[in-house]
Amino acid sequence: METIKTRMRRGKRRPIAGRQEILAAARAIGARDGWKAVTIRSVAQKLGYASPLLYEHFRDKEDLLTQIAADGLGQLEAKLTEKLPIDPRDAVAMMVERYWAFMLENTQLYRLVNGMDGVPIDKATVGRSAQSLCKMVAEAVLPLLGEDAREADRQILADELWALLHGMSALYMDRVAPFDLARATNAVMTLIEGARMKQGAHLRRSSMK
């Protein structure tokens, strides 16, 4: 049984907010007011504590926001991979739909994960957290390239897909382009088909040597 830590405050003993409570409070502020409004002081005030309590768990604002961004990537990966269809094309189409749904439902978190608001995050740490997601995308597109696809081709296609979806998401969030899931899915499939044709041409040239 987990022991709940407590601390005296104004003559009363009350539970001490832990790491997850701090993160939840920071997310709530970020979702409501934007990530620039998230500070050690603002989170402490929301929880009803003094700032030093938060420094027991997080070095500074950057450390706090970096953890939220890394957690956000984990949420995105879990959403993309849950119970995918067996057919590779159907699986990729569903991943596109879920990517857009995540962006629409968690717009502020999406912006933080992708460094879109100019707030301090450790990009190296977030990048390491994204490696599992990038690998998963690469594995999902591999069957669509064919059994003889090279590792480099698979990774290039995964990077291009990520860039395409993020680019379309950014245009939507900046109100430059409307939300259009069908357009996004069609663009992804067109990109995959182009990569597949390129892969086939490479194999034909290799067989002629």
N, C-alpha and C. Protein backbone atom coordinates (compact mmCIF):
# COMPACT_ATOMS: atom_id res chain seq x y z
N MET A 1 0.84 -1.20 0.00
CA MET A 1 0.00 0.00 0.00
C MET A 1 0.88 1.25 0.00
N GLU A 2 0.60 2.17 -0.93
CA GLU A 2 1.42 3.37 -1.07
C GLU A 2 1.15 4.33 0.08
N THR A 3 2.22 4.86 0.64
CA THR A 3 2.11 5.83 1.71
C THR A 3 1.95 7.23 1.14
N ILE A 4 0.91 7.92 1.54
CA ILE A 4 0.66 9.27 1.06
C ILE A 4 1.40 10.26 1.94
N LYS A 5 2.30 11.04 1.34
CA LYS A 5 3.05 12.03 2.10
C LYS A 5 2.15 13.21 2.42
N THR A 6 2.35 13.76 3.61
CA THR A 6 1.56 14.91 4.03
C THR A 6 2.48 16.00 4.56
N ARG A 7 1.91 17.20 4.68
CA ARG A 7 2.69 18.34 5.16
C ARG A 7 1.74 19.28 5.88
N MET A 8 2.23 19.92 6.94
CA MET A 8 1.41 20.88 7.69
C MET A 8 1.29 22.17 6.89
N ARG A 9 0.10 22.70 6.78
CA ARG A 9 -0.14 23.97 6.11
C ARG A 9 -1.27 24.68 6.83
N ARG A 10 -0.96 25.86 7.36
CA ARG A 10 -1.95 26.65 8.08
C ARG A 10 -2.61 25.86 9.20
N GLY A 11 -1.78 25.11 9.90
CA GLY A 11 -2.25 24.38 11.06
C GLY A 11 -2.96 23.08 10.74
N LYS A 12 -3.03 22.72 9.45
CA LYS A 12 -3.70 21.49 9.07
C LYS A 12 -2.75 20.62 8.25
N ARG A 13 -2.88 19.33 8.44
CA ARG A 13 -2.07 18.39 7.66
C ARG A 13 -2.81 18.02 6.39
N ARG A 14 -2.13 18.15 5.24
CA ARG A 14 -2.77 17.88 3.96
C ARG A 14 -1.83 17.07 3.08
N PRO A 15 -2.38 16.30 2.14
CA PRO A 15 -1.52 15.51 1.24
C PRO A 15 -0.63 16.41 0.40
N ILE A 16 0.58 15.93 0.11
CA ILE A 16 1.51 16.66 -0.74
C ILE A 16 1.30 16.24 -2.19
N ALA A 17 1.18 17.21 -3.06
CA ALA A 17 1.03 16.91 -4.47
C ALA A 17 2.29 16.22 -4.99
N GLY A 18 2.12 15.12 -5.70
CA GLY A 18 3.24 14.39 -6.27
C GLY A 18 3.50 14.80 -7.70
N ARG A 19 4.39 14.07 -8.35
CA ARG A 19 4.80 14.39 -9.71
C ARG A 19 3.61 14.40 -10.69
N GLN A 20 2.74 13.39 -10.60
CA GLN A 20 1.62 13.30 -11.52
C GLN A 20 0.60 14.43 -11.30
N GLU A 21 0.39 14.81 -10.05
CA GLU A 21 -0.52 15.92 -9.78
C GLU A 21 0.03 17.23 -10.33
N ILE A 22 1.34 17.39 -10.23
CA ILE A 22 1.98 18.60 -10.77
C ILE A 22 1.84 18.65 -12.28
N LEU A 23 2.09 17.51 -12.94
CA LEU A 23 1.96 17.45 -14.39
C LEU A 23 0.52 17.72 -14.83
N ALA A 24 -0.43 17.17 -14.10
CA ALA A 24 -1.84 17.38 -14.45
C ALA A 24 -2.22 18.85 -14.33
N ALA A 25 -1.73 19.50 -13.29
CA ALA A 25 -2.02 20.93 -13.11
C ALA A 25 -1.40 21.75 -14.22
N ALA A 26 -0.18 21.42 -14.61
CA ALA A 26 0.50 22.14 -15.68
C ALA A 26 -0.23 21.95 -17.01
N ARG A 27 -0.67 20.72 -17.27
CA ARG A 27 -1.42 20.45 -18.51
C ARG A 27 -2.71 21.27 -18.55
N ALA A 28 -3.38 21.36 -17.42
CA ALA A 28 -4.64 22.10 -17.36
C ALA A 28 -4.41 23.58 -17.68
N ILE A 29 -3.34 24.15 -17.13
CA ILE A 29 -3.01 25.55 -17.41
C ILE A 29 -2.66 25.73 -18.88
N GLY A 30 -1.84 24.81 -19.41
CA GLY A 30 -1.43 24.89 -20.80
C GLY A 30 -2.60 24.77 -21.76
N ALA A 31 -3.51 23.86 -21.48
CA ALA A 31 -4.67 23.66 -22.35
C ALA A 31 -5.60 24.87 -22.34
N ARG A 32 -5.66 25.53 -21.21
CA ARG A 32 -6.57 26.67 -21.08
C ARG A 32 -5.94 27.98 -21.54
N ASP A 33 -4.70 28.23 -21.14
CA ASP A 33 -4.08 29.54 -21.36
C ASP A 33 -2.87 29.52 -22.28
N GLY A 34 -2.47 28.33 -22.76
CA GLY A 34 -1.27 28.24 -23.57
C GLY A 34 -0.06 27.92 -22.71
N TRP A 35 0.99 27.38 -23.33
CA TRP A 35 2.14 26.89 -22.58
C TRP A 35 3.01 27.99 -22.00
N LYS A 36 2.94 29.19 -22.57
CA LYS A 36 3.71 30.30 -22.00
C LYS A 36 3.20 30.68 -20.63
N ALA A 37 1.95 30.32 -20.35
CA ALA A 37 1.38 30.64 -19.04
C ALA A 37 1.80 29.64 -17.97
N VAL A 38 2.41 28.54 -18.39
CA VAL A 38 2.85 27.52 -17.44
C VAL A 38 4.20 27.92 -16.85
N THR A 39 4.22 28.20 -15.57
CA THR A 39 5.45 28.48 -14.84
C THR A 39 5.42 27.68 -13.54
N ILE A 40 6.57 27.58 -12.93
CA ILE A 40 6.62 26.89 -11.63
C ILE A 40 5.67 27.57 -10.65
N ARG A 41 5.65 28.90 -10.67
CA ARG A 41 4.79 29.64 -9.74
C ARG A 41 3.31 29.42 -10.05
N SER A 42 2.92 29.49 -11.34
CA SER A 42 1.50 29.34 -11.68
C SER A 42 0.99 27.95 -11.34
N VAL A 43 1.82 26.93 -11.55
CA VAL A 43 1.41 25.57 -11.21
C VAL A 43 1.30 25.41 -9.70
N ALA A 44 2.26 25.98 -8.98
CA ALA A 44 2.21 25.90 -7.51
C ALA A 44 0.96 26.58 -6.97
N GLN A 45 0.62 27.73 -7.55
CA GLN A 45 -0.57 28.46 -7.10
C GLN A 45 -1.84 27.65 -7.38
N LYS A 46 -1.88 26.98 -8.53
CA LYS A 46 -3.05 26.17 -8.86
C LYS A 46 -3.23 25.03 -7.87
N LEU A 47 -2.12 24.47 -7.43
CA LEU A 47 -2.16 23.37 -6.48
C LEU A 47 -2.31 23.83 -5.04
N GLY A 48 -2.08 25.14 -4.81
CA GLY A 48 -2.19 25.66 -3.46
C GLY A 48 -0.96 25.43 -2.62
N TYR A 49 0.22 25.37 -3.28
CA TYR A 49 1.49 25.16 -2.59
C TYR A 49 2.46 26.29 -2.91
N ALA A 50 3.56 26.29 -2.18
CA ALA A 50 4.64 27.22 -2.50
C ALA A 50 5.53 26.59 -3.57
N SER A 51 6.20 27.42 -4.33
CA SER A 51 7.03 26.96 -5.45
C SER A 51 8.07 25.91 -5.08
N PRO A 52 8.73 25.99 -3.91
CA PRO A 52 9.78 25.00 -3.60
C PRO A 52 9.32 23.55 -3.67
N LEU A 53 8.03 23.28 -3.44
CA LEU A 53 7.54 21.90 -3.54
C LEU A 53 7.76 21.35 -4.94
N LEU A 54 7.52 22.18 -5.96
CA LEU A 54 7.65 21.72 -7.34
C LEU A 54 9.11 21.44 -7.70
N TYR A 55 10.00 22.20 -7.09
CA TYR A 55 11.43 22.01 -7.39
C TYR A 55 11.95 20.68 -6.83
N GLU A 56 11.16 20.04 -5.98
CA GLU A 56 11.53 18.71 -5.51
C GLU A 56 11.35 17.67 -6.61
N HIS A 57 10.54 18.01 -7.62
CA HIS A 57 10.22 17.08 -8.70
C HIS A 57 10.75 17.52 -10.06
N PHE A 58 10.83 18.83 -10.30
CA PHE A 58 11.24 19.35 -11.60
C PHE A 58 12.28 20.45 -11.42
N ARG A 59 13.28 20.39 -12.28
CA ARG A 59 14.38 21.35 -12.17
C ARG A 59 13.91 22.78 -12.44
N ASP A 60 13.09 22.95 -13.47
CA ASP A 60 12.60 24.27 -13.86
C ASP A 60 11.43 24.10 -14.83
N LYS A 61 10.99 25.20 -15.42
CA LYS A 61 9.86 25.15 -16.36
C LYS A 61 10.18 24.26 -17.56
N GLU A 62 11.40 24.34 -18.06
CA GLU A 62 11.78 23.53 -19.21
C GLU A 62 11.67 22.04 -18.90
N ASP A 63 12.13 21.66 -17.74
CA ASP A 63 12.06 20.26 -17.32
C ASP A 63 10.61 19.80 -17.24
N LEU A 64 9.74 20.65 -16.71
CA LEU A 64 8.33 20.33 -16.57
C LEU A 64 7.66 20.18 -17.93
N LEU A 65 7.89 21.12 -18.84
CA LEU A 65 7.27 21.08 -20.16
C LEU A 65 7.84 19.94 -21.00
N THR A 66 9.11 19.65 -20.82
CA THR A 66 9.72 18.54 -21.55
C THR A 66 9.06 17.22 -21.19
N GLN A 67 8.76 17.02 -19.92
CA GLN A 67 8.10 15.80 -19.49
C GLN A 67 6.69 15.70 -20.07
N ILE A 68 5.98 16.83 -20.11
CA ILE A 68 4.64 16.84 -20.69
C ILE A 68 4.70 16.49 -22.17
N ALA A 69 5.69 17.04 -22.88
CA ALA A 69 5.84 16.75 -24.31
C ALA A 69 6.17 15.28 -24.54
N ALA A 70 7.07 14.74 -23.74
CA ALA A 70 7.43 13.33 -23.87
C ALA A 70 6.23 12.43 -23.59
N ASP A 71 5.46 12.77 -22.58
CA ASP A 71 4.25 12.01 -22.27
C ASP A 71 3.25 12.11 -23.43
N GLY A 72 3.18 13.28 -24.06
CA GLY A 72 2.28 13.48 -25.19
C GLY A 72 2.63 12.57 -26.35
N LEU A 73 3.92 12.40 -26.61
CA LEU A 73 4.35 11.48 -27.67
C LEU A 73 3.93 10.05 -27.35
N GLY A 74 4.03 9.68 -26.08
CA GLY A 74 3.59 8.36 -25.67
C GLY A 74 2.09 8.16 -25.89
N GLN A 75 1.32 9.20 -25.61
CA GLN A 75 -0.13 9.13 -25.83
C GLN A 75 -0.44 8.98 -27.32
N LEU A 76 0.29 9.73 -28.15
CA LEU A 76 0.07 9.66 -29.60
C LEU A 76 0.41 8.27 -30.13
N GLU A 77 1.53 7.72 -29.68
CA GLU A 77 1.92 6.39 -30.13
C GLU A 77 0.87 5.35 -29.72
N ALA A 78 0.38 5.44 -28.49
CA ALA A 78 -0.63 4.49 -28.02
C ALA A 78 -1.90 4.59 -28.85
N LYS A 79 -2.28 5.82 -29.19
CA LYS A 79 -3.50 6.02 -29.98
C LYS A 79 -3.33 5.47 -31.39
N LEU A 80 -2.16 5.69 -31.99
CA LEU A 80 -1.93 5.26 -33.37
C LEU A 80 -1.89 3.74 -33.50
N THR A 81 -1.42 3.06 -32.49
CA THR A 81 -1.15 1.62 -32.62
C THR A 81 -2.24 0.72 -32.05
N GLU A 82 -3.26 1.27 -31.43
CA GLU A 82 -4.27 0.45 -30.76
C GLU A 82 -5.13 -0.31 -31.78
N LYS A 83 -5.09 -1.65 -31.73
CA LYS A 83 -5.97 -2.52 -32.52
C LYS A 83 -6.07 -2.11 -33.98
N LEU A 84 -4.95 -2.12 -34.67
CA LEU A 84 -4.93 -1.75 -36.08
C LEU A 84 -5.43 -2.91 -36.95
N PRO A 85 -6.03 -2.61 -38.10
CA PRO A 85 -6.44 -3.67 -39.02
C PRO A 85 -5.24 -4.46 -39.53
N ILE A 86 -5.48 -5.69 -39.97
CA ILE A 86 -4.39 -6.52 -40.47
C ILE A 86 -3.90 -6.03 -41.82
N ASP A 87 -4.82 -5.59 -42.69
CA ASP A 87 -4.43 -5.10 -44.01
C ASP A 87 -3.57 -3.84 -43.86
N PRO A 88 -2.37 -3.80 -44.46
CA PRO A 88 -1.45 -2.67 -44.28
C PRO A 88 -2.03 -1.33 -44.73
N ARG A 89 -2.75 -1.30 -45.85
CA ARG A 89 -3.32 -0.04 -46.33
C ARG A 89 -4.40 0.46 -45.36
N ASP A 90 -5.23 -0.46 -44.89
CA ASP A 90 -6.26 -0.07 -43.92
C ASP A 90 -5.62 0.41 -42.61
N ALA A 91 -4.52 -0.24 -42.23
CA ALA A 91 -3.83 0.15 -40.99
C ALA A 91 -3.26 1.56 -41.11
N VAL A 92 -2.62 1.85 -42.23
CA VAL A 92 -2.05 3.18 -42.43
C VAL A 92 -3.15 4.23 -42.50
N ALA A 93 -4.25 3.92 -43.20
CA ALA A 93 -5.37 4.86 -43.28
C ALA A 93 -5.93 5.16 -41.90
N MET A 94 -6.03 4.13 -41.05
CA MET A 94 -6.53 4.35 -39.70
C MET A 94 -5.56 5.17 -38.86
N MET A 95 -4.26 4.95 -39.08
CA MET A 95 -3.27 5.74 -38.36
C MET A 95 -3.36 7.21 -38.73
N VAL A 96 -3.62 7.50 -40.01
CA VAL A 96 -3.80 8.88 -40.46
C VAL A 96 -5.01 9.50 -39.76
N GLU A 97 -6.10 8.75 -39.72
CA GLU A 97 -7.31 9.25 -39.07
C GLU A 97 -7.07 9.53 -37.59
N ARG A 98 -6.36 8.63 -36.93
CA ARG A 98 -6.09 8.80 -35.50
C ARG A 98 -5.13 9.95 -35.25
N TYR A 99 -4.17 10.16 -36.16
CA TYR A 99 -3.24 11.28 -36.04
C TYR A 99 -4.01 12.60 -36.06
N TRP A 100 -4.91 12.73 -37.02
CA TRP A 100 -5.71 13.95 -37.11
C TRP A 100 -6.60 14.10 -35.88
N ALA A 101 -7.19 12.99 -35.42
CA ALA A 101 -8.06 13.06 -34.25
C ALA A 101 -7.28 13.53 -33.02
N PHE A 102 -6.05 13.02 -32.87
CA PHE A 102 -5.23 13.44 -31.74
C PHE A 102 -4.93 14.93 -31.81
N MET A 103 -4.58 15.41 -33.01
CA MET A 103 -4.29 16.83 -33.18
C MET A 103 -5.50 17.69 -32.86
N LEU A 104 -6.69 17.26 -33.30
CA LEU A 104 -7.90 18.03 -33.07
C LEU A 104 -8.31 18.02 -31.61
N GLU A 105 -8.14 16.89 -30.95
CA GLU A 105 -8.59 16.74 -29.56
C GLU A 105 -7.57 17.28 -28.56
N ASN A 106 -6.31 17.38 -28.97
CA ASN A 106 -5.24 17.80 -28.06
C ASN A 106 -4.36 18.86 -28.73
N THR A 107 -5.01 19.91 -29.23
CA THR A 107 -4.30 20.89 -30.04
C THR A 107 -3.13 21.52 -29.30
N GLN A 108 -3.33 21.94 -28.07
CA GLN A 108 -2.25 22.59 -27.32
C GLN A 108 -1.12 21.61 -27.06
N LEU A 109 -1.44 20.38 -26.69
CA LEU A 109 -0.42 19.38 -26.45
C LEU A 109 0.34 19.08 -27.74
N TYR A 110 -0.37 18.99 -28.86
CA TYR A 110 0.27 18.76 -30.15
C TYR A 110 1.26 19.87 -30.46
N ARG A 111 0.88 21.10 -30.19
CA ARG A 111 1.76 22.24 -30.46
C ARG A 111 3.02 22.17 -29.59
N LEU A 112 2.86 21.76 -28.35
CA LEU A 112 4.02 21.65 -27.46
C LEU A 112 4.96 20.56 -27.94
N VAL A 113 4.41 19.39 -28.28
CA VAL A 113 5.23 18.26 -28.73
C VAL A 113 6.08 18.65 -29.94
N ASN A 114 5.51 19.47 -30.81
CA ASN A 114 6.19 19.84 -32.04
C ASN A 114 6.91 21.18 -31.95
N GLY A 115 7.03 21.74 -30.74
CA GLY A 115 7.79 22.96 -30.54
C GLY A 115 7.26 24.15 -31.29
N MET A 116 5.93 24.29 -31.36
CA MET A 116 5.33 25.31 -32.21
C MET A 116 5.08 26.64 -31.50
N ASP A 117 5.21 26.70 -30.20
CA ASP A 117 4.85 27.92 -29.47
C ASP A 117 6.04 28.65 -28.86
N GLY A 118 7.24 28.20 -29.15
CA GLY A 118 8.42 28.91 -28.69
C GLY A 118 8.69 28.81 -27.20
N VAL A 119 8.10 27.82 -26.53
CA VAL A 119 8.38 27.65 -25.10
C VAL A 119 9.58 26.72 -24.95
N PRO A 120 10.29 26.82 -23.83
CA PRO A 120 11.50 26.01 -23.67
C PRO A 120 11.22 24.54 -23.40
N ILE A 121 11.71 23.67 -24.29
CA ILE A 121 11.70 22.23 -24.05
C ILE A 121 13.05 21.68 -24.49
N ASP A 122 13.44 20.59 -23.89
CA ASP A 122 14.69 19.93 -24.26
C ASP A 122 14.43 19.09 -25.51
N LYS A 123 14.81 19.60 -26.67
CA LYS A 123 14.50 18.93 -27.93
C LYS A 123 15.20 17.57 -28.04
N ALA A 124 16.37 17.46 -27.45
CA ALA A 124 17.09 16.18 -27.51
C ALA A 124 16.32 15.10 -26.74
N THR A 125 15.79 15.46 -25.57
CA THR A 125 15.02 14.50 -24.78
C THR A 125 13.72 14.13 -25.49
N VAL A 126 13.03 15.12 -26.04
CA VAL A 126 11.79 14.86 -26.76
C VAL A 126 12.08 14.02 -28.00
N GLY A 127 13.20 14.30 -28.66
CA GLY A 127 13.58 13.52 -29.83
C GLY A 127 13.80 12.06 -29.50
N ARG A 128 14.44 11.80 -28.37
CA ARG A 128 14.64 10.40 -27.95
C ARG A 128 13.31 9.73 -27.65
N SER A 129 12.37 10.50 -27.10
CA SER A 129 11.06 9.93 -26.80
C SER A 129 10.30 9.61 -28.08
N ALA A 130 10.63 10.30 -29.17
CA ALA A 130 9.94 10.09 -30.45
C ALA A 130 10.48 8.91 -31.23
N GLN A 131 11.62 8.35 -30.82
CA GLN A 131 12.24 7.28 -31.59
C GLN A 131 11.34 6.05 -31.72
N SER A 132 10.66 5.68 -30.64
CA SER A 132 9.78 4.53 -30.68
C SER A 132 8.63 4.76 -31.65
N LEU A 133 8.08 5.97 -31.64
CA LEU A 133 6.98 6.31 -32.55
C LEU A 133 7.45 6.28 -34.00
N CYS A 134 8.63 6.83 -34.26
CA CYS A 134 9.17 6.83 -35.62
C CYS A 134 9.41 5.41 -36.12
N LYS A 135 9.90 4.55 -35.25
CA LYS A 135 10.14 3.15 -35.61
C LYS A 135 8.82 2.46 -35.93
N MET A 136 7.80 2.74 -35.16
CA MET A 136 6.49 2.13 -35.38
C MET A 136 5.92 2.54 -36.73
N VAL A 137 6.06 3.83 -37.09
CA VAL A 137 5.57 4.30 -38.39
C VAL A 137 6.33 3.62 -39.52
N ALA A 138 7.65 3.50 -39.37
CA ALA A 138 8.47 2.85 -40.39
C ALA A 138 8.06 1.40 -40.59
N GLU A 139 7.76 0.70 -39.51
CA GLU A 139 7.35 -0.70 -39.61
C GLU A 139 5.97 -0.82 -40.25
N ALA A 140 5.10 0.17 -40.03
CA ALA A 140 3.75 0.12 -40.60
C ALA A 140 3.77 0.28 -42.12
N VAL A 141 4.70 1.08 -42.64
CA VAL A 141 4.74 1.32 -44.09
C VAL A 141 5.56 0.28 -44.83
N LEU A 142 6.34 -0.52 -44.12
CA LEU A 142 7.20 -1.49 -44.78
C LEU A 142 6.44 -2.44 -45.71
N PRO A 143 5.31 -3.05 -45.28
CA PRO A 143 4.59 -3.96 -46.18
C PRO A 143 4.11 -3.29 -47.46
N LEU A 144 3.89 -1.97 -47.41
CA LEU A 144 3.40 -1.26 -48.59
C LEU A 144 4.52 -0.99 -49.59
N LEU A 145 5.75 -1.09 -49.15
CA LEU A 145 6.89 -0.89 -50.04
C LEU A 145 7.32 -2.18 -50.71
N GLY A 146 6.97 -3.30 -50.12
CA GLY A 146 7.38 -4.57 -50.68
C GLY A 146 8.44 -5.23 -49.83
N GLU A 147 8.57 -6.54 -49.99
CA GLU A 147 9.47 -7.32 -49.16
C GLU A 147 10.94 -6.94 -49.37
N ASP A 148 11.27 -6.43 -50.56
CA ASP A 148 12.67 -6.11 -50.86
C ASP A 148 13.05 -4.67 -50.54
N ALA A 149 12.18 -3.96 -49.84
CA ALA A 149 12.46 -2.56 -49.51
C ALA A 149 13.68 -2.45 -48.62
N ARG A 150 14.50 -1.45 -48.92
CA ARG A 150 15.69 -1.22 -48.11
C ARG A 150 15.32 -0.47 -46.83
N GLU A 151 16.12 -0.66 -45.80
CA GLU A 151 15.89 0.02 -44.53
C GLU A 151 15.88 1.53 -44.72
N ALA A 152 16.80 2.02 -45.57
CA ALA A 152 16.89 3.47 -45.80
C ALA A 152 15.61 3.99 -46.46
N ASP A 153 15.08 3.24 -47.42
CA ASP A 153 13.85 3.66 -48.10
C ASP A 153 12.67 3.70 -47.13
N ARG A 154 12.61 2.71 -46.27
CA ARG A 154 11.53 2.67 -45.28
C ARG A 154 11.59 3.87 -44.35
N GLN A 155 12.79 4.20 -43.89
CA GLN A 155 12.93 5.33 -42.98
C GLN A 155 12.65 6.66 -43.66
N ILE A 156 13.08 6.78 -44.92
CA ILE A 156 12.81 8.01 -45.67
C ILE A 156 11.31 8.21 -45.83
N LEU A 157 10.60 7.13 -46.18
CA LEU A 157 9.15 7.23 -46.34
C LEU A 157 8.47 7.59 -45.03
N ALA A 158 8.90 6.99 -43.93
CA ALA A 158 8.32 7.31 -42.63
C ALA A 158 8.52 8.78 -42.28
N ASP A 159 9.72 9.30 -42.56
CA ASP A 159 10.00 10.72 -42.30
C ASP A 159 9.14 11.62 -43.18
N GLU A 160 8.97 11.23 -44.43
CA GLU A 160 8.15 12.03 -45.35
C GLU A 160 6.69 12.03 -44.94
N LEU A 161 6.20 10.89 -44.47
CA LEU A 161 4.82 10.81 -44.00
C LEU A 161 4.61 11.71 -42.79
N TRP A 162 5.57 11.65 -41.87
CA TRP A 162 5.48 12.49 -40.66
C TRP A 162 5.46 13.97 -41.05
N ALA A 163 6.35 14.35 -41.99
CA ALA A 163 6.42 15.74 -42.43
C ALA A 163 5.13 16.17 -43.12
N LEU A 164 4.56 15.27 -43.93
CA LEU A 164 3.32 15.58 -44.63
C LEU A 164 2.17 15.82 -43.66
N LEU A 165 1.98 14.90 -42.72
CA LEU A 165 0.87 15.03 -41.78
C LEU A 165 1.05 16.24 -40.87
N HIS A 166 2.28 16.46 -40.41
CA HIS A 166 2.50 17.62 -39.55
C HIS A 166 2.31 18.91 -40.33
N GLY A 167 2.77 18.94 -41.58
CA GLY A 167 2.61 20.14 -42.39
C GLY A 167 1.14 20.48 -42.60
N MET A 168 0.34 19.48 -42.90
CA MET A 168 -1.09 19.71 -43.10
C MET A 168 -1.76 20.12 -41.79
N SER A 169 -1.31 19.53 -40.68
CA SER A 169 -1.86 19.90 -39.36
C SER A 169 -1.52 21.35 -39.03
N ALA A 170 -0.28 21.75 -39.31
CA ALA A 170 0.15 23.12 -39.01
C ALA A 170 -0.65 24.12 -39.84
N LEU A 171 -0.89 23.79 -41.11
CA LEU A 171 -1.69 24.68 -41.96
C LEU A 171 -3.10 24.82 -41.42
N TYR A 172 -3.65 23.71 -40.93
CA TYR A 172 -5.00 23.76 -40.36
C TYR A 172 -5.02 24.63 -39.10
N MET A 173 -4.04 24.43 -38.21
CA MET A 173 -4.03 25.18 -36.95
C MET A 173 -3.78 26.66 -37.18
N ASP A 174 -3.06 26.99 -38.25
CA ASP A 174 -2.83 28.40 -38.58
C ASP A 174 -3.95 28.97 -39.43
N ARG A 175 -5.01 28.18 -39.63
CA ARG A 175 -6.20 28.59 -40.36
C ARG A 175 -5.89 28.95 -41.82
N VAL A 176 -4.89 28.30 -42.36
CA VAL A 176 -4.55 28.49 -43.77
C VAL A 176 -5.32 27.50 -44.63
N ALA A 177 -5.56 26.30 -44.09
CA ALA A 177 -6.28 25.26 -44.82
C ALA A 177 -7.34 24.64 -43.92
N PRO A 178 -8.49 24.25 -44.47
CA PRO A 178 -9.55 23.62 -43.67
C PRO A 178 -9.20 22.19 -43.29
N PHE A 179 -9.90 21.66 -42.31
CA PHE A 179 -9.72 20.26 -41.93
C PHE A 179 -10.32 19.38 -43.01
N ASP A 180 -9.56 18.42 -43.48
CA ASP A 180 -10.03 17.53 -44.53
C ASP A 180 -9.31 16.20 -44.40
N LEU A 181 -9.93 15.26 -43.70
CA LEU A 181 -9.31 13.96 -43.46
C LEU A 181 -9.13 13.20 -44.77
N ALA A 182 -10.11 13.27 -45.66
CA ALA A 182 -10.01 12.55 -46.93
C ALA A 182 -8.81 13.04 -47.74
N ARG A 183 -8.60 14.34 -47.73
CA ARG A 183 -7.46 14.90 -48.46
C ARG A 183 -6.15 14.43 -47.86
N ALA A 184 -6.08 14.41 -46.54
CA ALA A 184 -4.86 13.97 -45.87
C ALA A 184 -4.58 12.50 -46.17
N THR A 185 -5.62 11.67 -46.10
CA THR A 185 -5.44 10.24 -46.38
C THR A 185 -5.00 10.02 -47.82
N ASN A 186 -5.61 10.73 -48.75
CA ASN A 186 -5.24 10.60 -50.16
C ASN A 186 -3.80 11.03 -50.40
N ALA A 187 -3.38 12.10 -49.73
CA ALA A 187 -2.00 12.57 -49.87
C ALA A 187 -1.01 11.53 -49.35
N VAL A 188 -1.34 10.89 -48.25
CA VAL A 188 -0.48 9.85 -47.67
C VAL A 188 -0.38 8.66 -48.62
N MET A 189 -1.50 8.21 -49.14
CA MET A 189 -1.49 7.05 -50.05
C MET A 189 -0.75 7.37 -51.34
N THR A 190 -0.88 8.60 -51.83
CA THR A 190 -0.15 9.01 -53.03
C THR A 190 1.35 8.99 -52.78
N LEU A 191 1.75 9.46 -51.61
CA LEU A 191 3.16 9.46 -51.25
C LEU A 191 3.70 8.03 -51.16
N ILE A 192 2.92 7.15 -50.55
CA ILE A 192 3.34 5.74 -50.42
C ILE A 192 3.45 5.09 -51.80
N GLU A 193 2.47 5.36 -52.66
CA GLU A 193 2.51 4.77 -53.99
C GLU A 193 3.72 5.25 -54.78
N GLY A 194 4.06 6.54 -54.62
CA GLY A 194 5.24 7.07 -55.29
C GLY A 194 6.51 6.39 -54.79
N ALA A 195 6.57 6.17 -53.48
CA ALA A 195 7.75 5.49 -52.91
C ALA A 195 7.81 4.05 -53.39
N ARG A 196 6.67 3.41 -53.53
CA ARG A 196 6.63 2.02 -53.99
C ARG A 196 7.12 1.93 -55.44
N MET A 197 6.68 2.86 -56.28
CA MET A 197 7.11 2.86 -57.67
C MET A 197 8.61 3.12 -57.77
N LYS A 198 9.11 4.01 -56.93
CA LYS A 198 10.54 4.31 -56.91
C LYS A 198 11.32 3.07 -56.49
N GLN A 199 10.80 2.36 -55.49
CA GLN A 199 11.45 1.14 -55.03
C GLN A 199 11.48 0.10 -56.13
N GLY A 200 10.36 -0.04 -56.87
CA GLY A 200 10.32 -1.00 -57.96
C GLY A 200 11.31 -0.66 -59.06
N ALA A 201 11.42 0.61 -59.38
CA ALA A 201 12.37 1.04 -60.41
C ALA A 201 13.80 0.74 -59.98
N HIS A 202 14.09 0.95 -58.70
CA HIS A 202 15.44 0.67 -58.18
C HIS A 202 15.77 -0.81 -58.30
N LEU A 203 14.79 -1.66 -57.99
CA LEU A 203 15.03 -3.11 -58.08
C LEU A 203 15.23 -3.54 -59.52
N ARG A 204 14.48 -2.94 -60.45
CA ARG A 204 14.66 -3.31 -61.86
C ARG A 204 16.02 -2.91 -62.37
N ARG A 205 16.48 -1.72 -61.97
CA ARG A 205 17.83 -1.30 -62.40
C ARG A 205 18.91 -2.21 -61.83
N SER A 206 18.69 -2.63 -60.56
CA SER A 206 19.69 -3.51 -59.92
C SER A 206 19.75 -4.85 -60.60
N SER A 207 18.59 -5.37 -61.05
CA SER A 207 18.57 -6.68 -61.69
C SER A 207 19.19 -6.67 -63.09
N MET A 208 19.27 -5.47 -63.69
CA MET A 208 19.83 -5.36 -65.02
C MET A 208 21.34 -5.23 -65.03
N LYS A 209 21.91 -4.99 -63.87
CA LYS A 209 23.37 -4.81 -63.79
C LYS A 209 24.10 -6.14 -63.89
